[in-house]
Protein backbone atom coordinates (compact mmCIF):
# COMPACT_ATOMS: atom_id res chain seq x y z
CA MET A 1 0.00 0.00 0.00
CA VAL A 2 1.35 3.44 -0.92
CA TYR A 3 1.96 5.64 2.12
CA ASP A 4 -0.35 8.64 2.20
CA ALA A 5 1.29 11.43 4.19
CA GLN A 6 -1.80 13.65 4.07
CA HIS A 7 -3.94 10.85 5.46
CA ALA A 8 -1.43 10.27 8.29
CA LEU A 9 -1.61 13.96 9.21
CA GLU A 10 -5.40 13.86 9.27
CA HIS A 11 -5.45 10.71 11.45
CA PRO A 12 -2.45 10.92 13.84
CA ASP A 13 -3.86 8.59 16.51
CA ALA A 14 -2.33 5.32 15.27
CA ALA A 15 0.72 5.60 17.53
CA GLY A 16 -1.34 6.62 20.54
CA TRP A 17 -3.70 3.71 19.93
CA ALA A 18 -0.80 1.23 19.79
CA LEU A 19 0.64 2.61 23.04
CA GLY A 20 -2.73 2.63 24.78
CA ALA A 21 -2.37 6.37 25.36
CA LEU A 22 -5.64 7.68 23.86
CA ASP A 23 -8.33 9.08 26.11
CA PRO A 24 -11.70 7.28 25.95
CA ASP A 25 -13.30 9.69 23.46
CA ASP A 26 -10.35 9.61 21.05
CA LEU A 27 -10.06 5.84 21.45
CA ALA A 28 -13.70 5.28 20.52
CA ALA A 29 -13.45 7.64 17.54
CA PHE A 30 -10.25 6.04 16.21
CA GLU A 31 -11.53 2.47 16.59
CA GLU A 32 -14.66 3.45 14.68
CA HIS A 33 -12.43 4.98 11.97
CA LEU A 34 -10.42 1.74 11.78
CA GLN A 35 -13.52 -0.13 10.62
CA SER A 36 -13.70 1.84 7.38
CA CYS A 37 -10.08 2.83 6.70
CA GLU A 38 -7.63 0.86 4.59
CA GLN A 39 -4.42 2.61 5.66
CA CYS A 40 -4.76 3.15 9.42
CA PRO A 41 -4.95 -0.57 10.39
CA ALA A 42 -1.60 -1.16 8.67
CA GLU A 43 -0.02 1.85 10.36
CA ALA A 44 -1.45 0.84 13.74
CA ALA A 45 -0.05 -2.68 13.30
CA GLU A 46 3.42 -1.26 12.61
CA PHE A 47 3.26 0.93 15.68
CA ALA A 48 2.00 -2.01 17.75
CA SER A 49 5.09 -4.05 16.92
CA VAL A 50 7.27 -1.15 18.04
CA ALA A 51 5.25 -0.74 21.24
CA ARG A 52 5.72 -4.43 22.07
CA SER A 53 9.49 -4.03 21.79
CA LEU A 54 9.72 -1.04 24.14
CA PRO A 55 10.04 -3.18 27.31
CA LEU A 56 13.08 -4.80 25.71
CA ALA A 57 14.95 -1.50 25.35
CA ALA A 58 18.22 -1.23 27.23
CA PRO A 59 17.90 0.69 30.51
CA ALA A 60 19.59 4.03 30.89
CA ALA A 61 23.08 3.70 32.30
CA GLU A 62 25.78 6.06 33.49
CA PRO A 63 29.18 5.69 31.79
CA PRO A 64 31.95 4.22 33.96
CA ALA A 65 33.63 6.76 36.22
CA ASP A 66 37.04 6.01 34.69
CA LEU A 67 35.92 6.28 31.05
CA ASP A 68 37.70 9.60 30.50
CA VAL A 69 40.97 8.24 31.88
CA LYS A 70 40.76 5.15 29.69
CA VAL A 71 40.12 7.21 26.54
CA VAL A 72 43.08 9.48 27.24
CA ALA A 73 45.31 6.48 27.99
CA ALA A 74 44.24 4.72 24.78
CA VAL A 75 45.04 7.75 22.63
CA GLN A 76 48.38 8.25 24.36
CA TYR A 77 49.26 4.58 23.86
CA ALA A 78 48.40 4.80 20.16
CA VAL A 79 50.62 7.87 19.70
CA MET A 80 53.50 6.23 21.58
CA ALA A 81 53.16 3.04 19.54
CA GLU A 82 53.42 4.95 16.28
CA SER A 83 56.42 6.94 17.54
CA ALA A 84 58.16 3.76 18.69
CA ALA A 85 57.57 2.13 15.31
CA ARG A 86 59.17 5.09 13.53
CA LEU A 87 62.18 5.16 15.85
CA THR A 88 62.90 1.44 15.60
CA GLU A 89 62.35 1.07 11.87
CA PRO A 90 65.79 0.24 10.35
CA ALA A 91 67.14 1.98 7.29
CA ALA A 92 66.56 0.09 4.05
CA PRO A 93 69.70 -2.06 3.45
CA ALA A 94 71.25 -2.36 0.01
CA THR A 95 70.72 -6.09 -0.21
CA THR A 96 68.99 -8.60 -2.41
CA PRO A 97 65.34 -8.32 -3.45
CA GLN A 98 64.57 -11.31 -1.21
CA ALA A 99 65.71 -9.38 1.86
CA GLU A 100 63.63 -6.37 0.84
CA ALA A 101 60.56 -8.60 0.66
CA LYS A 102 60.75 -9.38 4.41
CA PRO A 103 60.26 -6.15 6.36
CA SER A 104 60.88 -6.10 10.08
CA ALA A 105 58.09 -6.27 12.63
CA ALA A 106 58.65 -2.60 13.44
CA ALA A 107 58.36 -1.69 9.76
CA LYS A 108 55.10 -3.65 9.54
CA ALA A 109 53.78 -1.84 12.57
CA HIS A 110 54.74 1.51 11.08
CA ARG A 111 53.12 0.62 7.74
CA TRP A 112 49.95 -0.47 9.55
CA TRP A 113 49.76 2.82 11.39
CA HIS A 114 50.60 4.78 8.25
CA LEU A 115 47.84 3.10 6.22
CA HIS A 116 45.31 3.68 8.95
CA TRP A 117 46.20 7.31 9.42
CA ILE A 118 46.01 8.13 5.69
CA ASN A 119 42.68 6.31 5.26
CA PRO A 120 40.04 9.09 5.37
CA LEU A 121 37.73 7.15 7.67
CA PHE A 122 40.45 6.28 10.15
CA ALA A 123 41.80 9.81 9.95
CA ALA A 124 38.38 11.17 10.87
CA LEU A 125 38.09 8.73 13.75
CA ALA A 126 41.58 9.63 14.93
CA ALA A 127 40.75 13.33 14.84
CA ALA A 128 37.63 12.69 16.87
CA ALA A 129 39.63 10.62 19.37
CA VAL A 130 42.25 13.33 19.75
CA THR A 131 39.55 15.97 20.24
CA ALA A 132 37.83 13.80 22.84
CA ALA A 133 41.14 13.15 24.54
CA ALA A 134 41.91 16.87 24.74
CA PHE A 135 38.49 17.57 26.25
CA LEU A 136 38.58 14.61 28.61
CA GLY A 137 42.17 15.28 29.53
CA ALA A 138 41.25 18.80 30.57
CA THR A 139 38.45 17.34 32.66
CA VAL A 140 40.70 14.73 34.27
CA PHE A 141 43.56 17.05 35.13
CA GLU A 142 41.50 20.13 36.02
CA SER A 143 41.49 20.61 39.78
CA ALA A 144 38.20 19.78 41.49
CA PRO A 145 36.21 22.62 43.09
CA ALA A 146 37.51 23.46 46.56
CA LEU A 147 35.82 21.58 49.38
CA ALA A 148 34.01 23.98 51.73
CA ALA A 149 32.32 21.61 54.18
CA THR A 150 31.17 18.05 54.79
CA PHE A 151 28.05 16.88 56.61
CA THR A 152 26.85 13.68 58.24
CA LEU A 153 23.04 13.72 58.34
CA ARG A 154 21.05 11.69 60.84
CA PRO A 155 17.36 11.47 61.76
CA PRO A 156 16.01 13.42 64.75
CA PRO A 157 15.89 11.72 68.17
CA GLY A 158 13.27 9.00 68.27
CA GLN A 159 13.48 8.29 64.55
CA VAL A 160 15.74 5.61 63.08
CA VAL A 161 14.96 5.76 59.37
CA GLY A 162 17.37 7.22 56.84
CA SER A 163 20.86 8.71 56.74
CA ALA A 164 23.02 10.73 54.37
CA THR A 165 26.43 12.28 53.85
CA ALA A 166 27.04 15.50 51.96
CA ALA A 167 29.90 17.59 50.61
CA ALA A 168 29.67 21.29 49.76
CA ARG A 169 32.15 22.70 47.24
CA ILE A 170 32.89 26.25 46.13
CA VAL A 171 31.72 26.84 42.55
CA THR A 172 31.01 29.86 40.40
CA GLY A 173 28.03 31.70 41.83
CA GLY A 174 27.86 29.88 45.15
CA PHE A 175 28.23 26.40 46.57
CA GLN A 176 27.46 23.00 45.07
CA ILE A 177 26.25 20.34 47.47
CA LYS A 178 26.31 16.64 46.65
CA ILE A 179 24.24 14.41 48.93
CA ASP A 180 24.40 10.60 49.13
CA LEU A 181 21.06 9.35 50.47
CA LYS A 182 20.25 6.05 52.13
CA HIS A 183 16.81 4.68 53.03
CA LEU A 184 14.82 7.87 53.46
CA PRO A 185 11.15 7.34 54.40
CA ARG A 186 8.80 6.66 51.52
CA LEU A 187 7.04 9.73 50.19
CA GLY A 188 3.27 9.98 50.01
CA PRO A 189 1.28 11.21 46.99
CA GLY A 190 2.40 14.70 45.97
CA GLN A 191 5.15 14.85 48.58
CA PHE A 192 8.80 15.70 47.94
CA TYR A 193 12.03 16.34 49.85
CA GLU A 194 13.76 19.69 50.17
CA CYS A 195 17.33 20.35 51.29
CA VAL A 196 17.60 23.58 53.28
CA TYR A 197 20.45 25.45 54.94
CA VAL A 198 19.52 26.66 58.43
CA GLY A 199 20.77 29.97 59.86
CA GLN A 200 22.37 30.32 63.31
CA ASN A 201 19.12 31.04 65.13
CA GLY A 202 17.12 28.47 63.20
CA GLY A 203 14.75 31.02 61.72
CA GLU A 204 16.44 31.69 58.39
CA LEU A 205 16.15 28.91 55.82
CA VAL A 206 17.85 28.89 52.42
CA SER A 207 16.80 26.22 49.95
CA ALA A 208 19.37 24.17 48.06
CA GLY A 209 16.72 22.39 45.98
CA THR A 210 14.09 19.67 45.97
CA PHE A 211 14.15 16.00 45.01
CA SER A 212 12.04 12.86 45.31
CA THR A 213 14.53 9.99 45.54
CA SER A 214 14.98 8.05 48.79
CA ASN A 215 18.25 6.36 47.83
CA GLY A 216 21.11 7.53 45.64
CA THR A 217 22.90 10.79 44.95
CA VAL A 218 21.49 14.24 44.28
CA THR A 219 23.48 17.38 43.40
CA MET A 220 22.17 20.89 43.98
CA GLN A 221 23.50 24.45 44.19
CA SER A 222 22.87 27.31 46.59
CA ALA A 223 24.29 30.71 47.50
CA ALA A 224 24.32 29.79 51.20
CA ASN A 225 27.82 29.66 52.68
CA PRO A 226 28.14 26.62 55.00
CA LYS A 227 30.45 28.63 57.26
CA LYS A 228 27.45 30.82 58.07
CA PHE A 229 24.64 28.32 57.51
CA LYS A 230 26.28 25.46 59.36
CA THR A 231 23.24 23.19 59.57
CA ILE A 232 21.47 21.50 56.69
CA GLN A 233 18.22 19.61 56.89
CA ILE A 234 16.21 17.32 54.66
CA ARG A 235 12.53 18.12 55.09
CA ARG A 236 9.52 16.24 53.75
CA GLU A 237 7.10 18.61 52.11
CA GLN A 238 3.90 18.78 50.16
CA PRO A 239 2.20 21.54 48.14
CA GLY A 240 0.49 24.19 50.24
CA VAL A 241 2.55 23.56 53.40
CA ASP A 242 5.19 26.14 54.40
CA VAL A 243 8.71 24.76 54.62
CA GLN A 244 8.95 26.08 58.20
CA ARG A 245 6.24 23.60 59.19
CA ALA A 246 7.54 20.66 57.16
CA PRO A 247 8.82 17.72 59.24
CA VAL A 248 12.60 17.32 59.47
CA ILE A 249 13.78 13.93 58.22
CA LEU A 250 17.59 14.37 58.52
CA THR A 251 19.89 16.96 60.08
CA GLY A 252 23.64 17.51 59.78
CA VAL A 253 26.15 20.10 61.03
CA ALA A 254 28.99 21.31 58.82
CA GLU A 255 32.57 20.30 59.32
CA THR A 256 34.16 23.23 57.54
CA HIS A 257 37.35 23.03 55.51
CA SER A 258 39.72 25.90 54.87
């Protein structure tokens, strides 16, 4: 069947039908349309096969922490290997043709590298690798932001659920705080967590951000200096409730670093 782009624009619900995402009114209208249309059933069937494969998709994954180091090392090794091949390649002796037909291992290595570097595809890949290495190398060897404070967060007296550790670093525009969370209480519908810096008298609160995960790592940024706002809290909140009244789940006091 010839694909009719105009028809697809007029009846765009095939994908939504295959995914089960149509609201009841649209679903009823599209299923009625399917009874008299020649093209939409075929399109819906194609989308249905794609929808069935979605659960098989690979889950999202973070790259290994040492990926940048490995890339830089691989590029450096490749450059050193080519340089070594050039340095160890002997001068061509004035001998018989038979001897010339048996190049040394170093000469073979050099020829292999030479052929790969002059091949346009390999040259493009090499350029990309060198660019990536330069970028990653700058990332690897660039000094980390200065550590301003660390925190150990524990639940209030009488509560035994949840814990966290945090590190605040000096960054452009303020302070970045990275919090490693463990076993925070489960949130109810509409609820969320907020990390707040607490002033010396407990009345001034400065937010570092909100999140909804109970385990794992969250990174936020705030203008609050942990040398002044030495206490941080994780509070459980919900819309319509002031943060001052939100229950405190974890509390930690800064251990400042010069």
